[in-house]
Each structure stands twice: as structure tokens, then as C-alpha cells.
Amino acid sequence: QCCQLVMVSDREVVKPEQNRVQQI
């Protein structure tokens, strides 16, 4: 959940970040 919040904190969701959350 923290990884998801950090990913969206800049209001820009990009595929590499989404992939990293999945990997984690």
C-alpha cells in the first residue's frame, strides 16, 4: 500500500512504477 501511495504521490502513474509495485 505504501508503494502504491508513493507511486501516485506525484499524480503521474507510469508503467515502470506500476510494474515495480507488482514485483514487490
mmCIF file of all heavy atoms, coordinates in Angstrom:
data_MODEL
# 
_entry.id   MODEL 
# 
loop_
_atom_site.group_PDB 
_atom_site.id 
_atom_site.type_symbol 
_atom_site.label_atom_id 
_atom_site.label_alt_id 
_atom_site.label_comp_id 
_atom_site.label_asym_id 
_atom_site.label_entity_id 
_atom_site.label_seq_id 
_atom_site.pdbx_PDB_ins_code 
_atom_site.Cartn_x 
_atom_site.Cartn_y 
_atom_site.Cartn_z 
_atom_site.occupancy 
_atom_site.B_iso_or_equiv 
_atom_site.pdbx_formal_charge 
_atom_site.auth_seq_id 
_atom_site.auth_comp_id 
_atom_site.auth_asym_id 
_atom_site.auth_atom_id 
_atom_site.pdbx_PDB_model_num 
ATOM 1   N N   . GLN A 1 1  ? 0.825  -1.212 0.000   1.00 0.00 ? 1  GLN A N   1 
ATOM 2   C CA  . GLN A 1 1  ? 0.000  0.000  0.000   1.00 0.00 ? 1  GLN A CA  1 
ATOM 3   C C   . GLN A 1 1  ? 0.858  1.260  0.000   1.00 0.00 ? 1  GLN A C   1 
ATOM 4   O O   . GLN A 1 1  ? 0.549  2.227  -0.704  1.00 0.00 ? 1  GLN A O   1 
ATOM 5   C CB  . GLN A 1 1  ? -0.965 -0.024 1.185   1.00 0.00 ? 1  GLN A CB  1 
ATOM 6   C CG  . GLN A 1 1  ? -2.035 -1.088 1.023   1.00 0.00 ? 1  GLN A CG  1 
ATOM 7   C CD  . GLN A 1 1  ? -2.911 -1.234 2.247   1.00 0.00 ? 1  GLN A CD  1 
ATOM 8   O OE1 . GLN A 1 1  ? -2.462 -1.045 3.371   1.00 0.00 ? 1  GLN A OE1 1 
ATOM 9   N NE2 . GLN A 1 1  ? -4.162 -1.589 2.025   1.00 0.00 ? 1  GLN A NE2 1 
ATOM 10  N N   . CYS A 1 2  ? 1.938  1.260  0.758   1.00 0.00 ? 2  CYS A N   1 
ATOM 11  C CA  . CYS A 1 2  ? 2.845  2.421  0.762   1.00 0.00 ? 2  CYS A CA  1 
ATOM 12  C C   . CYS A 1 2  ? 3.485  2.608  -0.609  1.00 0.00 ? 2  CYS A C   1 
ATOM 13  O O   . CYS A 1 2  ? 3.614  3.744  -1.085  1.00 0.00 ? 2  CYS A O   1 
ATOM 14  C CB  . CYS A 1 2  ? 3.931  2.257  1.820   1.00 0.00 ? 2  CYS A CB  1 
ATOM 15  S SG  . CYS A 1 2  ? 3.393  2.566  3.495   1.00 0.00 ? 2  CYS A SG  1 
ATOM 16  N N   . CYS A 1 3  ? 3.878  1.520  -1.233  1.00 0.00 ? 3  CYS A N   1 
ATOM 17  C CA  . CYS A 1 3  ? 4.460  1.618  -2.579  1.00 0.00 ? 3  CYS A CA  1 
ATOM 18  C C   . CYS A 1 3  ? 3.462  2.247  -3.538  1.00 0.00 ? 3  CYS A C   1 
ATOM 19  O O   . CYS A 1 3  ? 3.828  3.097  -4.356  1.00 0.00 ? 3  CYS A O   1 
ATOM 20  C CB  . CYS A 1 3  ? 4.881  0.245  -3.081  1.00 0.00 ? 3  CYS A CB  1 
ATOM 21  S SG  . CYS A 1 3  ? 6.325  -0.427 -2.249  1.00 0.00 ? 3  CYS A SG  1 
ATOM 22  N N   . GLN A 1 4  ? 2.209  1.848  -3.442  1.00 0.00 ? 4  GLN A N   1 
ATOM 23  C CA  . GLN A 1 4  ? 1.178  2.419  -4.303  1.00 0.00 ? 4  GLN A CA  1 
ATOM 24  C C   . GLN A 1 4  ? 1.023  3.917  -4.029  1.00 0.00 ? 4  GLN A C   1 
ATOM 25  O O   . GLN A 1 4  ? 0.942  4.718  -4.956  1.00 0.00 ? 4  GLN A O   1 
ATOM 26  C CB  . GLN A 1 4  ? -0.157 1.692  -4.092  1.00 0.00 ? 4  GLN A CB  1 
ATOM 27  C CG  . GLN A 1 4  ? -1.317 2.261  -4.858  1.00 0.00 ? 4  GLN A CG  1 
ATOM 28  C CD  . GLN A 1 4  ? -1.202 2.091  -6.365  1.00 0.00 ? 4  GLN A CD  1 
ATOM 29  O OE1 . GLN A 1 4  ? -0.411 1.301  -6.854  1.00 0.00 ? 4  GLN A OE1 1 
ATOM 30  N NE2 . GLN A 1 4  ? -2.004 2.825  -7.104  1.00 0.00 ? 4  GLN A NE2 1 
ATOM 31  N N   . LEU A 1 5  ? 0.985  4.304  -2.767  1.00 0.00 ? 5  LEU A N   1 
ATOM 32  C CA  . LEU A 1 5  ? 0.830  5.720  -2.423  1.00 0.00 ? 5  LEU A CA  1 
ATOM 33  C C   . LEU A 1 5  ? 2.015  6.546  -2.897  1.00 0.00 ? 5  LEU A C   1 
ATOM 34  O O   . LEU A 1 5  ? 1.836  7.663  -3.401  1.00 0.00 ? 5  LEU A O   1 
ATOM 35  C CB  . LEU A 1 5  ? 0.628  5.881  -0.920  1.00 0.00 ? 5  LEU A CB  1 
ATOM 36  C CG  . LEU A 1 5  ? -0.707 5.387  -0.382  1.00 0.00 ? 5  LEU A CG  1 
ATOM 37  C CD1 . LEU A 1 5  ? -0.718 5.427  1.136   1.00 0.00 ? 5  LEU A CD1 1 
ATOM 38  C CD2 . LEU A 1 5  ? -1.854 6.191  -0.958  1.00 0.00 ? 5  LEU A CD2 1 
ATOM 39  N N   . VAL A 1 6  ? 3.213  6.001  -2.754  1.00 0.00 ? 6  VAL A N   1 
ATOM 40  C CA  . VAL A 1 6  ? 4.395  6.721  -3.237  1.00 0.00 ? 6  VAL A CA  1 
ATOM 41  C C   . VAL A 1 6  ? 4.331  6.854  -4.753  1.00 0.00 ? 6  VAL A C   1 
ATOM 42  O O   . VAL A 1 6  ? 4.616  7.918  -5.312  1.00 0.00 ? 6  VAL A O   1 
ATOM 43  C CB  . VAL A 1 6  ? 5.696  6.018  -2.793  1.00 0.00 ? 6  VAL A CB  1 
ATOM 44  C CG1 . VAL A 1 6  ? 6.903  6.593  -3.512  1.00 0.00 ? 6  VAL A CG1 1 
ATOM 45  C CG2 . VAL A 1 6  ? 5.866  6.127  -1.282  1.00 0.00 ? 6  VAL A CG2 1 
ATOM 46  N N   . MET A 1 7  ? 3.906  5.791  -5.439  1.00 0.00 ? 7  MET A N   1 
ATOM 47  C CA  . MET A 1 7  ? 3.834  5.826  -6.895  1.00 0.00 ? 7  MET A CA  1 
ATOM 48  C C   . MET A 1 7  ? 2.894  6.921  -7.384  1.00 0.00 ? 7  MET A C   1 
ATOM 49  O O   . MET A 1 7  ? 3.199  7.624  -8.333  1.00 0.00 ? 7  MET A O   1 
ATOM 50  C CB  . MET A 1 7  ? 3.370  4.475  -7.443  1.00 0.00 ? 7  MET A CB  1 
ATOM 51  C CG  . MET A 1 7  ? 3.298  4.460  -8.956  1.00 0.00 ? 7  MET A CG  1 
ATOM 52  S SD  . MET A 1 7  ? 2.596  2.958  -9.643  1.00 0.00 ? 7  MET A SD  1 
ATOM 53  C CE  . MET A 1 7  ? 0.875  3.121  -9.189  1.00 0.00 ? 7  MET A CE  1 
ATOM 54  N N   . VAL A 1 8  ? 1.763  7.087  -6.730  1.00 0.00 ? 8  VAL A N   1 
ATOM 55  C CA  . VAL A 1 8  ? 0.783  8.068  -7.205  1.00 0.00 ? 8  VAL A CA  1 
ATOM 56  C C   . VAL A 1 8  ? 0.970  9.452  -6.586  1.00 0.00 ? 8  VAL A C   1 
ATOM 57  O O   . VAL A 1 8  ? 0.254  10.383 -6.930  1.00 0.00 ? 8  VAL A O   1 
ATOM 58  C CB  . VAL A 1 8  ? -0.671 7.585  -6.980  1.00 0.00 ? 8  VAL A CB  1 
ATOM 59  C CG1 . VAL A 1 8  ? -0.924 6.288  -7.705  1.00 0.00 ? 8  VAL A CG1 1 
ATOM 60  C CG2 . VAL A 1 8  ? -0.994 7.476  -5.502  1.00 0.00 ? 8  VAL A CG2 1 
ATOM 61  N N   . SER A 1 9  ? 1.938  9.599  -5.713  1.00 0.00 ? 9  SER A N   1 
ATOM 62  C CA  . SER A 1 9  ? 2.106  10.865 -4.999  1.00 0.00 ? 9  SER A CA  1 
ATOM 63  C C   . SER A 1 9  ? 2.432  12.037 -5.917  1.00 0.00 ? 9  SER A C   1 
ATOM 64  O O   . SER A 1 9  ? 2.124  13.180 -5.596  1.00 0.00 ? 9  SER A O   1 
ATOM 65  C CB  . SER A 1 9  ? 3.177  10.740 -3.916  1.00 0.00 ? 9  SER A CB  1 
ATOM 66  O OG  . SER A 1 9  ? 4.442  10.521 -4.505  1.00 0.00 ? 9  SER A OG  1 
ATOM 67  N N   . ASP A 1 10 ? 3.039  11.759 -7.061  1.00 0.00 ? 10 ASP A N   1 
ATOM 68  C CA  . ASP A 1 10 ? 3.336  12.848 -7.997  1.00 0.00 ? 10 ASP A CA  1 
ATOM 69  C C   . ASP A 1 10 ? 2.220  13.035 -9.027  1.00 0.00 ? 10 ASP A C   1 
ATOM 70  O O   . ASP A 1 10 ? 2.363  13.793 -9.978  1.00 0.00 ? 10 ASP A O   1 
ATOM 71  C CB  . ASP A 1 10 ? 4.673  12.612 -8.700  1.00 0.00 ? 10 ASP A CB  1 
ATOM 72  C CG  . ASP A 1 10 ? 4.694  11.365 -9.563  1.00 0.00 ? 10 ASP A CG  1 
ATOM 73  O OD1 . ASP A 1 10 ? 3.686  10.622 -9.604  1.00 0.00 ? 10 ASP A OD1 1 
ATOM 74  O OD2 . ASP A 1 10 ? 5.737  11.109 -10.198 1.00 0.00 ? 10 ASP A OD2 1 
ATOM 75  N N   . ARG A 1 11 ? 1.133  12.320 -8.825  1.00 0.00 ? 11 ARG A N   1 
ATOM 76  C CA  . ARG A 1 11 ? -0.061 12.392 -9.689  1.00 0.00 ? 11 ARG A CA  1 
ATOM 77  C C   . ARG A 1 11 ? 0.216  11.948 -11.120 1.00 0.00 ? 11 ARG A C   1 
ATOM 78  O O   . ARG A 1 11 ? -0.500 12.295 -12.046 1.00 0.00 ? 11 ARG A O   1 
ATOM 79  C CB  . ARG A 1 11 ? -0.674 13.788 -9.675  1.00 0.00 ? 11 ARG A CB  1 
ATOM 80  C CG  . ARG A 1 11 ? -1.072 14.255 -8.297  1.00 0.00 ? 11 ARG A CG  1 
ATOM 81  C CD  . ARG A 1 11 ? -1.650 15.652 -8.355  1.00 0.00 ? 11 ARG A CD  1 
ATOM 82  N NE  . ARG A 1 11 ? -1.569 16.315 -7.083  1.00 0.00 ? 11 ARG A NE  1 
ATOM 83  C CZ  . ARG A 1 11 ? -2.478 16.257 -6.123  1.00 0.00 ? 11 ARG A CZ  1 
ATOM 84  N NH1 . ARG A 1 11 ? -3.532 15.531 -6.283  1.00 0.00 ? 11 ARG A NH1 1 
ATOM 85  N NH2 . ARG A 1 11 ? -2.316 16.924 -5.013  1.00 0.00 ? 11 ARG A NH2 1 
ATOM 86  N N   . GLU A 1 12 ? 1.270  11.171 -11.283 1.00 0.00 ? 12 GLU A N   1 
ATOM 87  C CA  . GLU A 1 12 ? 1.610  10.631 -12.588 1.00 0.00 ? 12 GLU A CA  1 
ATOM 88  C C   . GLU A 1 12 ? 1.901  9.147  -12.421 1.00 0.00 ? 12 GLU A C   1 
ATOM 89  O O   . GLU A 1 12 ? 2.827  8.763  -11.717 1.00 0.00 ? 12 GLU A O   1 
ATOM 90  C CB  . GLU A 1 12 ? 2.841  11.341 -13.157 1.00 0.00 ? 12 GLU A CB  1 
ATOM 91  C CG  . GLU A 1 12 ? 3.233  10.865 -14.517 1.00 0.00 ? 12 GLU A CG  1 
ATOM 92  C CD  . GLU A 1 12 ? 4.466  11.574 -15.050 1.00 0.00 ? 12 GLU A CD  1 
ATOM 93  O OE1 . GLU A 1 12 ? 4.827  12.640 -14.519 1.00 0.00 ? 12 GLU A OE1 1 
ATOM 94  O OE2 . GLU A 1 12 ? 5.070  11.050 -15.983 1.00 0.00 ? 12 GLU A OE2 1 
ATOM 95  N N   . VAL A 1 13 ? 1.085  8.319  -13.058 1.00 0.00 ? 13 VAL A N   1 
ATOM 96  C CA  . VAL A 1 13 ? 1.261  6.875  -12.969 1.00 0.00 ? 13 VAL A CA  1 
ATOM 97  C C   . VAL A 1 13 ? 1.877  6.397  -14.277 1.00 0.00 ? 13 VAL A C   1 
ATOM 98  O O   . VAL A 1 13 ? 1.325  6.618  -15.348 1.00 0.00 ? 13 VAL A O   1 
ATOM 99  C CB  . VAL A 1 13 ? -0.089 6.171  -12.719 1.00 0.00 ? 13 VAL A CB  1 
ATOM 100 C CG1 . VAL A 1 13 ? 0.080  4.666  -12.710 1.00 0.00 ? 13 VAL A CG1 1 
ATOM 101 C CG2 . VAL A 1 13 ? -0.701 6.650  -11.407 1.00 0.00 ? 13 VAL A CG2 1 
ATOM 102 N N   . VAL A 1 14 ? 3.042  5.782  -14.153 1.00 0.00 ? 14 VAL A N   1 
ATOM 103 C CA  . VAL A 1 14 ? 3.726  5.270  -15.337 1.00 0.00 ? 14 VAL A CA  1 
ATOM 104 C C   . VAL A 1 14 ? 3.932  3.765  -15.194 1.00 0.00 ? 14 VAL A C   1 
ATOM 105 O O   . VAL A 1 14 ? 4.035  3.237  -14.091 1.00 0.00 ? 14 VAL A O   1 
ATOM 106 C CB  . VAL A 1 14 ? 5.074  5.991  -15.590 1.00 0.00 ? 14 VAL A CB  1 
ATOM 107 C CG1 . VAL A 1 14 ? 4.850  7.460  -15.925 1.00 0.00 ? 14 VAL A CG1 1 
ATOM 108 C CG2 . VAL A 1 14 ? 5.984  5.865  -14.397 1.00 0.00 ? 14 VAL A CG2 1 
ATOM 109 N N   . LYS A 1 15 ? 3.973  3.089  -16.319 1.00 0.00 ? 15 LYS A N   1 
ATOM 110 C CA  . LYS A 1 15 ? 4.034  1.628  -16.351 1.00 0.00 ? 15 LYS A CA  1 
ATOM 111 C C   . LYS A 1 15 ? 5.218  1.055  -15.556 1.00 0.00 ? 15 LYS A C   1 
ATOM 112 O O   . LYS A 1 15 ? 5.033  0.089  -14.814 1.00 0.00 ? 15 LYS A O   1 
ATOM 113 C CB  . LYS A 1 15 ? 4.049  1.142  -17.806 1.00 0.00 ? 15 LYS A CB  1 
ATOM 114 C CG  . LYS A 1 15 ? 3.822  -0.331 -17.941 1.00 0.00 ? 15 LYS A CG  1 
ATOM 115 C CD  . LYS A 1 15 ? 2.410  -0.681 -17.523 1.00 0.00 ? 15 LYS A CD  1 
ATOM 116 C CE  . LYS A 1 15 ? 2.129  -2.148 -17.775 1.00 0.00 ? 15 LYS A CE  1 
ATOM 117 N NZ  . LYS A 1 15 ? 0.941  -2.607 -17.089 1.00 0.00 ? 15 LYS A NZ  1 
ATOM 118 N N   . PRO A 1 16 ? 6.435  1.611  -15.676 1.00 0.00 ? 16 PRO A N   1 
ATOM 119 C CA  . PRO A 1 16 ? 7.542  1.034  -14.884 1.00 0.00 ? 16 PRO A CA  1 
ATOM 120 C C   . PRO A 1 16 ? 7.275  1.060  -13.375 1.00 0.00 ? 16 PRO A C   1 
ATOM 121 O O   . PRO A 1 16 ? 7.647  0.122  -12.667 1.00 0.00 ? 16 PRO A O   1 
ATOM 122 C CB  . PRO A 1 16 ? 8.743  1.909  -15.252 1.00 0.00 ? 16 PRO A CB  1 
ATOM 123 C CG  . PRO A 1 16 ? 8.422  2.437  -16.613 1.00 0.00 ? 16 PRO A CG  1 
ATOM 124 C CD  . PRO A 1 16 ? 6.925  2.644  -16.593 1.00 0.00 ? 16 PRO A CD  1 
ATOM 125 N N   . GLU A 1 17 ? 6.630  2.119  -12.892 1.00 0.00 ? 17 GLU A N   1 
ATOM 126 C CA  . GLU A 1 17 ? 6.299  2.183  -11.461 1.00 0.00 ? 17 GLU A CA  1 
ATOM 127 C C   . GLU A 1 17 ? 5.231  1.154  -11.116 1.00 0.00 ? 17 GLU A C   1 
ATOM 128 O O   . GLU A 1 17 ? 5.310  0.501  -10.073 1.00 0.00 ? 17 GLU A O   1 
ATOM 129 C CB  . GLU A 1 17 ? 5.838  3.589  -11.086 1.00 0.00 ? 17 GLU A CB  1 
ATOM 130 C CG  . GLU A 1 17 ? 6.937  4.621  -11.120 1.00 0.00 ? 17 GLU A CG  1 
ATOM 131 C CD  . GLU A 1 17 ? 6.448  6.018  -10.827 1.00 0.00 ? 17 GLU A CD  1 
ATOM 132 O OE1 . GLU A 1 17 ? 5.235  6.291  -10.987 1.00 0.00 ? 17 GLU A OE1 1 
ATOM 133 O OE2 . GLU A 1 17 ? 7.277  6.858  -10.446 1.00 0.00 ? 17 GLU A OE2 1 
ATOM 134 N N   . GLN A 1 18 ? 4.224  1.016  -11.969 1.00 0.00 ? 18 GLN A N   1 
ATOM 135 C CA  . GLN A 1 18 ? 3.193  0.005  -11.734 1.00 0.00 ? 18 GLN A CA  1 
ATOM 136 C C   . GLN A 1 18 ? 3.826  -1.392 -11.709 1.00 0.00 ? 18 GLN A C   1 
ATOM 137 O O   . GLN A 1 18 ? 3.484  -2.215 -10.852 1.00 0.00 ? 18 GLN A O   1 
ATOM 138 C CB  . GLN A 1 18 ? 2.125  0.051  -12.822 1.00 0.00 ? 18 GLN A CB  1 
ATOM 139 C CG  . GLN A 1 18 ? 1.227  1.267  -12.738 1.00 0.00 ? 18 GLN A CG  1 
ATOM 140 C CD  . GLN A 1 18 ? 0.247  1.319  -13.894 1.00 0.00 ? 18 GLN A CD  1 
ATOM 141 O OE1 . GLN A 1 18 ? 0.626  1.124  -15.048 1.00 0.00 ? 18 GLN A OE1 1 
ATOM 142 N NE2 . GLN A 1 18 ? -1.008 1.575  -13.574 1.00 0.00 ? 18 GLN A NE2 1 
ATOM 143 N N   . ASN A 1 19 ? 4.743  -1.636 -12.634 1.00 0.00 ? 19 ASN A N   1 
ATOM 144 C CA  . ASN A 1 19 ? 5.422  -2.933 -12.673 1.00 0.00 ? 19 ASN A CA  1 
ATOM 145 C C   . ASN A 1 19 ? 6.212  -3.184 -11.401 1.00 0.00 ? 19 ASN A C   1 
ATOM 146 O O   . ASN A 1 19 ? 6.245  -4.292 -10.889 1.00 0.00 ? 19 ASN A O   1 
ATOM 147 C CB  . ASN A 1 19 ? 6.351  -3.017 -13.886 1.00 0.00 ? 19 ASN A CB  1 
ATOM 148 C CG  . ASN A 1 19 ? 5.595  -3.086 -15.190 1.00 0.00 ? 19 ASN A CG  1 
ATOM 149 O OD1 . ASN A 1 19 ? 4.401  -3.390 -15.233 1.00 0.00 ? 19 ASN A OD1 1 
ATOM 150 N ND2 . ASN A 1 19 ? 6.286  -2.774 -16.275 1.00 0.00 ? 19 ASN A ND2 1 
ATOM 151 N N   . ARG A 1 20 ? 6.848  -2.133 -10.881 1.00 0.00 ? 20 ARG A N   1 
ATOM 152 C CA  . ARG A 1 20 ? 7.639  -2.288 -9.650  1.00 0.00 ? 20 ARG A CA  1 
ATOM 153 C C   . ARG A 1 20 ? 6.741  -2.637 -8.468  1.00 0.00 ? 20 ARG A C   1 
ATOM 154 O O   . ARG A 1 20 ? 7.086  -3.497 -7.657  1.00 0.00 ? 20 ARG A O   1 
ATOM 155 C CB  . ARG A 1 20 ? 8.441  -1.018 -9.373  1.00 0.00 ? 20 ARG A CB  1 
ATOM 156 C CG  . ARG A 1 20 ? 9.296  -1.090 -8.123  1.00 0.00 ? 20 ARG A CG  1 
ATOM 157 C CD  . ARG A 1 20 ? 10.253 -2.238 -8.150  1.00 0.00 ? 20 ARG A CD  1 
ATOM 158 N NE  . ARG A 1 20 ? 11.246 -2.006 -9.172  1.00 0.00 ? 20 ARG A NE  1 
ATOM 159 C CZ  . ARG A 1 20 ? 12.429 -2.572 -9.196  1.00 0.00 ? 20 ARG A CZ  1 
ATOM 160 N NH1 . ARG A 1 20 ? 12.781 -3.408 -8.247  1.00 0.00 ? 20 ARG A NH1 1 
ATOM 161 N NH2 . ARG A 1 20 ? 13.258 -2.332 -10.167 1.00 0.00 ? 20 ARG A NH2 1 
ATOM 162 N N   . VAL A 1 21 ? 5.583  -2.004 -8.370  1.00 0.00 ? 21 VAL A N   1 
ATOM 163 C CA  . VAL A 1 21 ? 4.647  -2.342 -7.291  1.00 0.00 ? 21 VAL A CA  1 
ATOM 164 C C   . VAL A 1 21 ? 4.243  -3.813 -7.411  1.00 0.00 ? 21 VAL A C   1 
ATOM 165 O O   . VAL A 1 21 ? 4.187  -4.539 -6.412  1.00 0.00 ? 21 VAL A O   1 
ATOM 166 C CB  . VAL A 1 21 ? 3.408  -1.415 -7.303  1.00 0.00 ? 21 VAL A CB  1 
ATOM 167 C CG1 . VAL A 1 21 ? 2.357  -1.892 -6.311  1.00 0.00 ? 21 VAL A CG1 1 
ATOM 168 C CG2 . VAL A 1 21 ? 3.813  0.025  -6.997  1.00 0.00 ? 21 VAL A CG2 1 
ATOM 169 N N   . GLN A 1 22 ? 3.991  -4.269 -8.628  1.00 0.00 ? 22 GLN A N   1 
ATOM 170 C CA  . GLN A 1 22 ? 3.638  -5.674 -8.853  1.00 0.00 ? 22 GLN A CA  1 
ATOM 171 C C   . GLN A 1 22 ? 4.782  -6.598 -8.426  1.00 0.00 ? 22 GLN A C   1 
ATOM 172 O O   . GLN A 1 22 ? 4.555  -7.608 -7.760  1.00 0.00 ? 22 GLN A O   1 
ATOM 173 C CB  . GLN A 1 22 ? 3.310  -5.910 -10.337 1.00 0.00 ? 22 GLN A CB  1 
ATOM 174 C CG  . GLN A 1 22 ? 2.093  -5.178 -10.827 1.00 0.00 ? 22 GLN A CG  1 
ATOM 175 C CD  . GLN A 1 22 ? 0.827  -5.611 -10.132 1.00 0.00 ? 22 GLN A CD  1 
ATOM 176 O OE1 . GLN A 1 22 ? 0.577  -6.803 -9.954  1.00 0.00 ? 22 GLN A OE1 1 
ATOM 177 N NE2 . GLN A 1 22 ? 0.023  -4.650 -9.714  1.00 0.00 ? 22 GLN A NE2 1 
ATOM 178 N N   . GLN A 1 23 ? 6.011  -6.254 -8.807  1.00 0.00 ? 23 GLN A N   1 
ATOM 179 C CA  . GLN A 1 23 ? 7.174  -7.067 -8.453  1.00 0.00 ? 23 GLN A CA  1 
ATOM 180 C C   . GLN A 1 23 ? 7.345  -7.146 -6.936  1.00 0.00 ? 23 GLN A C   1 
ATOM 181 O O   . GLN A 1 23 ? 7.661  -8.207 -6.390  1.00 0.00 ? 23 GLN A O   1 
ATOM 182 C CB  . GLN A 1 23 ? 8.442  -6.492 -9.080  1.00 0.00 ? 23 GLN A CB  1 
ATOM 183 C CG  . GLN A 1 23 ? 8.501  -6.602 -10.564 1.00 0.00 ? 23 GLN A CG  1 
ATOM 184 C CD  . GLN A 1 23 ? 9.649  -5.772 -11.155 1.00 0.00 ? 23 GLN A CD  1 
ATOM 185 O OE1 . GLN A 1 23 ? 10.265 -4.956 -10.473 1.00 0.00 ? 23 GLN A OE1 1 
ATOM 186 N NE2 . GLN A 1 23 ? 9.925  -5.983 -12.432 1.00 0.00 ? 23 GLN A NE2 1 
ATOM 187 N N   . ILE A 1 24 ? 7.139  -6.030 -6.274  1.00 0.00 ? 24 ILE A N   1 
ATOM 188 C CA  . ILE A 1 24 ? 7.263  -6.004 -4.811  1.00 0.00 ? 24 ILE A CA  1 
ATOM 189 C C   . ILE A 1 24 ? 6.186  -6.866 -4.179  1.00 0.00 ? 24 ILE A C   1 
ATOM 190 O O   . ILE A 1 24 ? 6.450  -7.632 -3.254  1.00 0.00 ? 24 ILE A O   1 
ATOM 191 C CB  . ILE A 1 24 ? 7.229  -4.545 -4.307  1.00 0.00 ? 24 ILE A CB  1 
ATOM 192 C CG1 . ILE A 1 24 ? 8.551  -3.859 -4.692  1.00 0.00 ? 24 ILE A CG1 1 
ATOM 193 C CG2 . ILE A 1 24 ? 6.966  -4.470 -2.803  1.00 0.00 ? 24 ILE A CG2 1 
ATOM 194 C CD1 . ILE A 1 24 ? 8.575  -2.361 -4.482  1.00 0.00 ? 24 ILE A CD1 1 
# 
